[in-house]
N, C-alpha and C. Protein backbone atom coordinates (compact mmCIF):
# COMPACT_ATOMS: atom_id res chain seq x y z
N MET A 1 0.57 -0.95 -0.38
CA MET A 1 0.33 -0.11 -0.20
C MET A 1 1.02 1.25 -0.01
N PRO A 2 0.08 2.49 -1.24
CA PRO A 2 1.56 3.42 -0.72
C PRO A 2 1.20 4.25 0.38
N LEU A 3 2.03 4.85 0.45
CA LEU A 3 2.51 6.24 1.20
C LEU A 3 0.87 7.50 1.15
N PRO A 4 0.44 7.74 2.18
CA PRO A 4 -0.50 8.88 1.76
C PRO A 4 0.58 10.21 1.17
N SER A 5 -0.20 11.17 0.52
CA SER A 5 0.73 11.86 0.26
C SER A 5 0.21 12.72 0.53
N CYS A 6 1.13 14.00 1.11
CA CYS A 6 1.01 15.38 2.01
C CYS A 6 0.15 15.88 0.72
N ASN A 7 0.38 16.22 -0.53
CA ASN A 7 -0.24 17.15 -1.71
C ASN A 7 -1.87 16.52 -1.26
N ILE A 8 -2.60 15.60 -1.09
CA ILE A 8 -4.02 15.09 -1.46
C ILE A 8 -4.37 16.34 -0.75
N GLY A 9 -4.06 16.39 0.57
CA GLY A 9 -4.81 17.54 1.56
C GLY A 9 -4.87 18.63 0.83
N ALA A 10 -3.59 19.34 1.01
CA ALA A 10 -2.92 20.47 0.22
C ALA A 10 -3.23 20.92 -0.66
N LYS A 11 -4.17 20.16 -2.58
CA LYS A 11 -4.27 20.70 -2.95
C LYS A 11 -6.06 21.44 -2.48
N ASP A 12 -5.99 21.07 -2.48
CA ASP A 12 -6.97 20.83 -1.42
C ASP A 12 -7.46 22.57 -0.33
N GLY A 13 -6.40 22.51 -0.01
CA GLY A 13 -5.82 23.52 0.72
C GLY A 13 -5.97 23.27 2.54
N VAL A 14 -6.02 21.55 2.95
CA VAL A 14 -5.53 20.80 4.19
C VAL A 14 -4.31 20.74 4.57
N THR A 15 -4.42 21.48 5.86
CA THR A 15 -2.50 20.82 6.27
C THR A 15 -2.36 21.15 7.61
N PHE A 16 -1.72 20.77 8.17
CA PHE A 16 -1.40 19.77 9.41
C PHE A 16 -0.63 20.83 10.21
N ARG A 17 -1.25 21.65 11.41
CA ARG A 17 -0.26 21.51 12.13
C ARG A 17 -0.46 21.43 13.46
N SER A 18 0.82 21.17 14.15
CA SER A 18 0.81 20.99 15.68
C SER A 18 1.89 21.91 15.77
N LEU A 19 0.41 22.53 17.61
CA LEU A 19 1.88 23.73 18.23
C LEU A 19 2.78 23.49 18.41
N ILE A 20 1.78 22.35 19.93
CA ILE A 20 3.02 21.68 20.34
C ILE A 20 4.03 21.22 19.84
N GLN A 21 4.18 19.98 19.64
CA GLN A 21 5.43 19.45 18.83
C GLN A 21 6.10 20.04 17.20
N ASN A 22 4.94 21.03 16.92
CA ASN A 22 6.31 22.29 16.26
C ASN A 22 6.14 21.50 14.98
N ILE A 23 5.14 20.99 14.29
CA ILE A 23 5.13 20.73 12.97
C ILE A 23 3.52 20.85 11.92
N ASP A 24 4.38 20.78 10.59
CA ASP A 24 3.35 21.84 10.10
C ASP A 24 3.69 21.71 8.91
N THR A 25 2.85 20.95 7.86
CA THR A 25 3.26 20.12 6.44
C THR A 25 3.12 21.36 5.34
N ARG A 26 2.98 21.79 5.93
CA ARG A 26 3.61 23.41 4.70
C ARG A 26 4.55 23.52 4.49
N THR A 27 6.28 23.71 5.92
CA THR A 27 7.45 22.81 4.97
C THR A 27 7.94 22.00 4.46
N PRO A 28 8.84 22.05 4.49
CA PRO A 28 9.54 20.35 4.26
C PRO A 28 9.82 19.92 4.92
N GLU A 29 10.34 19.67 6.75
CA GLU A 29 10.97 19.54 7.37
C GLU A 29 9.33 19.03 7.89
N GLY A 30 7.93 19.09 8.07
CA GLY A 30 6.41 18.77 8.48
C GLY A 30 6.53 17.83 6.86
N ARG A 31 6.73 18.72 6.06
CA ARG A 31 6.22 17.15 5.23
C ARG A 31 7.20 16.06 5.26
N ARG A 32 7.94 15.87 5.43
CA ARG A 32 8.88 14.83 5.44
C ARG A 32 9.19 13.44 6.99
N TRP A 33 8.30 14.81 8.48
CA TRP A 33 7.49 14.65 9.45
C TRP A 33 6.43 13.17 9.19
N TYR A 34 6.15 13.74 8.64
CA TYR A 34 4.06 13.16 7.90
C TYR A 34 4.45 12.03 7.38
N ILE A 35 5.64 11.87 6.09
CA ILE A 35 6.04 10.43 5.57
C ILE A 35 6.65 10.06 6.26
N HIS A 36 7.34 10.26 7.17
CA HIS A 36 8.20 9.80 7.94
C HIS A 36 7.27 8.74 8.76
N ALA A 37 6.21 9.20 9.68
CA ALA A 37 5.00 8.84 11.02
C ALA A 37 4.21 7.62 9.70
N ALA A 38 3.84 8.36 8.19
CA ALA A 38 2.89 7.08 7.73
C ALA A 38 3.68 5.98 7.46
N SER A 39 5.26 6.14 7.36
CA SER A 39 6.24 4.97 6.85
C SER A 39 6.01 4.07 8.50
N ASP A 40 6.30 4.65 8.82
CA ASP A 40 5.69 3.56 10.00
C ASP A 40 5.14 3.06 10.39
N ALA A 41 3.81 4.11 10.73
CA ALA A 41 2.27 3.25 10.25
C ALA A 41 2.14 2.21 9.46
N GLU A 42 2.51 2.22 8.03
CA GLU A 42 1.84 1.04 7.17
C GLU A 42 2.93 -0.18 7.56
N TYR A 43 4.73 -0.20 8.01
CA TYR A 43 5.64 -0.81 8.49
C TYR A 43 4.76 -1.53 9.58
N GLU A 44 3.92 -0.70 10.89
CA GLU A 44 3.23 -1.62 11.86
C GLU A 44 2.34 -2.43 11.65
N ARG A 45 1.65 -2.14 10.59
CA ARG A 45 0.66 -2.29 10.05
C ARG A 45 0.60 -3.44 9.34
N ALA A 46 2.04 -3.38 8.77
CA ALA A 46 2.29 -4.95 7.33
C ALA A 46 3.39 -6.71 8.82
N VAL A 47 3.17 -5.71 9.83
CA VAL A 47 4.09 -6.26 10.62
C VAL A 47 2.70 -7.35 11.18
N ILE A 48 2.05 -6.22 12.26
CA ILE A 48 0.87 -7.14 12.51
C ILE A 48 0.29 -7.88 11.68
N SER A 49 -0.10 -7.58 10.98
CA SER A 49 -0.49 -8.18 9.81
C SER A 49 -0.25 -10.05 9.68
N ARG A 50 1.09 -9.91 9.52
CA ARG A 50 2.77 -10.98 9.96
C ARG A 50 1.81 -11.90 10.18
N ARG A 51 2.12 -10.86 11.96
CA ARG A 51 1.77 -12.08 13.13
C ARG A 51 0.86 -13.04 12.85
N THR A 52 -0.48 -11.99 12.75
CA THR A 52 -1.62 -12.49 13.01
C THR A 52 -1.68 -14.06 11.86
N ARG A 53 -1.77 -13.12 10.71
CA ARG A 53 -1.22 -14.16 9.80
C ARG A 53 -0.55 -15.91 10.26
N GLU A 54 0.44 -15.70 10.95
CA GLU A 54 1.61 -16.83 10.92
C GLU A 54 0.90 -17.36 12.62
N GLN A 55 0.14 -16.65 13.67
CA GLN A 55 -0.75 -16.81 14.94
C GLN A 55 -1.43 -18.33 13.95
N MET A 56 -2.48 -17.81 13.25
CA MET A 56 -3.96 -17.81 12.85
C MET A 56 -3.04 -19.58 12.12
N ALA A 57 -2.67 -19.50 11.46
CA ALA A 57 -1.75 -20.54 10.81
C ALA A 57 -1.26 -21.54 11.99
N ALA A 58 -0.66 -21.55 13.03
CA ALA A 58 -0.05 -22.68 13.86
C ALA A 58 -1.24 -22.97 14.55
N ALA A 59 -2.20 -21.95 14.85
CA ALA A 59 -3.61 -22.13 15.79
C ALA A 59 -4.73 -23.30 14.60
N LYS A 60 -4.36 -23.27 13.45
CA LYS A 60 -4.88 -24.27 12.19
C LYS A 60 -4.41 -25.26 13.13
N ARG A 61 -2.58 -26.02 12.77
CA ARG A 61 -2.01 -26.72 12.98
C ARG A 61 -2.21 -26.96 14.57
N ARG A 62 -2.50 -26.59 15.23
CA ARG A 62 -2.59 -27.42 16.37
C ARG A 62 -4.29 -28.18 16.36
N GLY A 63 -5.22 -27.49 15.00
CA GLY A 63 -6.73 -28.03 15.40
C GLY A 63 -7.65 -27.07 15.41
N LYS A 64 -7.55 -26.03 15.90
CA LYS A 64 -7.73 -24.51 16.14
C LYS A 64 -9.34 -24.29 15.27
N LYS A 65 -10.02 -24.24 15.79
CA LYS A 65 -11.43 -23.92 14.26
C LYS A 65 -11.48 -22.53 14.85
N PHE A 66 -11.67 -21.87 13.57
CA PHE A 66 -12.43 -20.69 13.59
C PHE A 66 -13.68 -20.19 13.09
N GLY A 67 -14.54 -18.92 13.63
CA GLY A 67 -15.39 -19.00 12.84
C GLY A 67 -16.73 -19.85 13.35
N ARG A 68 -18.24 -18.91 13.28
CA ARG A 68 -19.44 -19.35 14.47
C ARG A 68 -19.66 -20.59 14.39
N PRO A 69 -19.62 -21.97 15.26
CA PRO A 69 -20.10 -22.86 15.07
C PRO A 69 -21.02 -24.13 14.83
N ARG A 70 -21.76 -24.48 13.60
CA ARG A 70 -22.01 -25.48 12.60
C ARG A 70 -23.26 -25.68 13.25
N LYS A 71 -25.15 -24.59 12.99
CA LYS A 71 -25.75 -24.64 13.97
C LYS A 71 -26.21 -26.17 14.41
N LEU A 72 -26.13 -27.13 13.10
CA LEU A 72 -26.79 -28.87 13.14
C LEU A 72 -25.03 -29.18 13.46
N SER A 73 -25.31 -30.43 13.31
CA SER A 73 -24.48 -31.89 13.95
C SER A 73 -24.18 -32.75 12.91
N LYS A 74 -23.11 -32.95 12.22
CA LYS A 74 -23.61 -34.12 11.10
C LYS A 74 -24.10 -34.70 11.45
N ALA A 75 -24.96 -35.29 12.46
CA ALA A 75 -25.92 -36.80 12.41
C ALA A 75 -27.35 -36.29 12.86
N GLN A 76 -27.41 -34.19 13.01
CA GLN A 76 -28.61 -34.00 12.30
C GLN A 76 -29.09 -33.57 10.84
N VAL A 77 -28.27 -33.51 10.65
CA VAL A 77 -28.58 -33.57 9.02
C VAL A 77 -28.64 -34.81 8.20
N SER A 78 -27.56 -35.87 8.39
CA SER A 78 -27.89 -36.33 8.42
C SER A 78 -29.35 -37.02 7.80
N TRP A 79 -29.54 -36.70 9.68
CA TRP A 79 -31.33 -37.19 9.63
C TRP A 79 -32.51 -36.79 8.92
N ALA A 80 -31.81 -35.16 8.34
CA ALA A 80 -32.96 -34.12 7.94
C ALA A 80 -33.22 -35.28 6.58
N ARG A 81 -31.71 -34.92 6.02
CA ARG A 81 -31.72 -35.92 4.45
C ARG A 81 -31.97 -36.44 4.40
N LYS A 82 -32.14 -37.76 5.40
CA LYS A 82 -32.91 -39.47 5.21
C LYS A 82 -34.84 -39.33 4.83
N MET A 83 -34.64 -37.89 6.31
CA MET A 83 -36.03 -37.87 5.67
C MET A 83 -37.09 -36.97 4.82
N LEU A 84 -36.22 -36.24 4.48
CA LEU A 84 -36.13 -35.59 3.11
C LEU A 84 -36.72 -36.66 1.62
N GLN A 85 -36.11 -37.51 2.07
CA GLN A 85 -36.03 -38.32 0.92
C GLN A 85 -37.43 -40.17 0.90
N ARG A 86 -37.60 -39.92 1.87
CA ARG A 86 -38.91 -40.85 2.27
C ARG A 86 -39.40 -40.52 2.11
N LYS A 87 -40.94 -41.43 1.40
CA LYS A 87 -42.10 -40.83 0.05
C LYS A 87 -42.95 -40.02 1.46
N ASN A 88 -43.99 -39.56 0.59
CA ASN A 88 -44.23 -38.79 2.23
C ASN A 88 -43.83 -38.24 3.15
N SER A 89 -42.58 -37.60 3.36
CA SER A 89 -42.17 -37.14 4.35
C SER A 89 -42.64 -36.02 4.87
N LYS A 90 -42.30 -35.33 5.57
CA LYS A 90 -41.86 -33.99 6.28
C LYS A 90 -41.39 -33.16 4.99
N THR A 91 -42.03 -31.63 5.05
CA THR A 91 -41.68 -30.80 4.57
C THR A 91 -40.40 -29.73 4.83
N LYS A 92 -39.26 -29.59 4.35
CA LYS A 92 -38.38 -28.64 4.66
C LYS A 92 -37.92 -28.12 5.77
N MET A 93 -39.52 -27.10 5.84
CA MET A 93 -39.86 -26.55 6.92
C MET A 93 -40.49 -27.40 7.99
N GLN A 94 -40.94 -27.89 8.25
CA GLN A 94 -41.29 -29.63 9.54
C GLN A 94 -40.03 -29.36 9.61
N ILE A 95 -38.89 -30.10 8.52
CA ILE A 95 -37.91 -30.11 9.37
C ILE A 95 -36.71 -29.32 9.97
N ALA A 96 -36.90 -28.03 9.57
CA ALA A 96 -36.29 -26.97 10.33
C ALA A 96 -36.86 -26.86 11.42
N GLN A 97 -37.86 -26.61 11.34
CA GLN A 97 -38.58 -26.27 12.60
C GLN A 97 -38.22 -27.04 13.59
N GLU A 98 -38.33 -28.44 13.76
CA GLU A 98 -38.04 -29.55 14.34
C GLU A 98 -36.34 -29.49 15.24
N LEU A 99 -35.62 -29.44 14.46
CA LEU A 99 -34.79 -28.78 14.31
C LEU A 99 -34.26 -27.55 15.34
N LYS A 100 -34.91 -26.67 15.57
CA LYS A 100 -35.26 -25.33 15.45
C LYS A 100 -34.07 -23.80 14.69
N VAL A 101 -33.92 -24.73 13.29
CA VAL A 101 -33.18 -23.84 12.60
C VAL A 101 -34.39 -23.17 12.13
N CYS A 102 -33.76 -22.14 11.74
CA CYS A 102 -34.35 -21.56 10.05
C CYS A 102 -33.94 -22.12 8.51
N VAL A 103 -35.23 -22.84 7.89
CA VAL A 103 -34.91 -23.43 6.53
C VAL A 103 -34.10 -23.11 5.49
N ARG A 104 -33.22 -21.41 5.62
CA ARG A 104 -32.21 -21.53 5.09
C ARG A 104 -30.84 -21.93 5.95
N THR A 105 -31.16 -22.05 7.06
CA THR A 105 -29.65 -22.88 7.08
C THR A 105 -29.84 -24.76 7.63
N LEU A 106 -31.19 -25.02 7.12
CA LEU A 106 -31.31 -25.97 6.61
C LEU A 106 -30.32 -26.35 5.07
N THR A 107 -31.21 -25.92 4.69
CA THR A 107 -30.57 -25.33 2.69
C THR A 107 -29.38 -25.62 2.94
N ARG A 108 -28.74 -24.90 3.58
CA ARG A 108 -26.55 -24.30 3.30
C ARG A 108 -26.71 -26.13 4.30
N ALA A 109 -26.57 -25.94 4.80
CA ALA A 109 -26.62 -27.57 5.70
C ALA A 109 -25.86 -28.86 5.20
N LEU A 110 -27.09 -29.08 4.17
CA LEU A 110 -27.42 -30.12 3.14
C LEU A 110 -27.07 -30.12 2.20
N ALA A 111 -26.47 -28.82 1.61
CA ALA A 111 -25.81 -29.12 0.53
C ALA A 111 -23.64 -28.56 1.09
N CYS A 112 -23.95 -28.43 1.89
CA CYS A 112 -21.89 -28.67 2.81
C CYS A 112 -21.29 -29.98 3.20
N ILE A 113 -22.95 -30.64 4.20
CA ILE A 113 -22.69 -32.40 4.77
C ILE A 113 -23.22 -33.16 3.76
């Protein structure tokens, strides 16, 4: 990701000026400070992102599951599939109500498992 340019706001007449820290992006020194600070921030974001990816990969190798738990177990989905294949069986809506999930959840589970 490229560094944000001081000129983005400057062309619209927007500048940054800190009286306490003596920073003014209208001066070469102020622009240098801004670019340096933006560079440091970009570096930190990249390092944090890399560490997060590494830790998530390590957790997955240890067997950690990510995301929301499934509403229906494999056994429940298998039972629902058998019920739907029977003649004169219940409808998807009836099965979903029995399993206490919405029809869309049941449909998704049937497609996945």
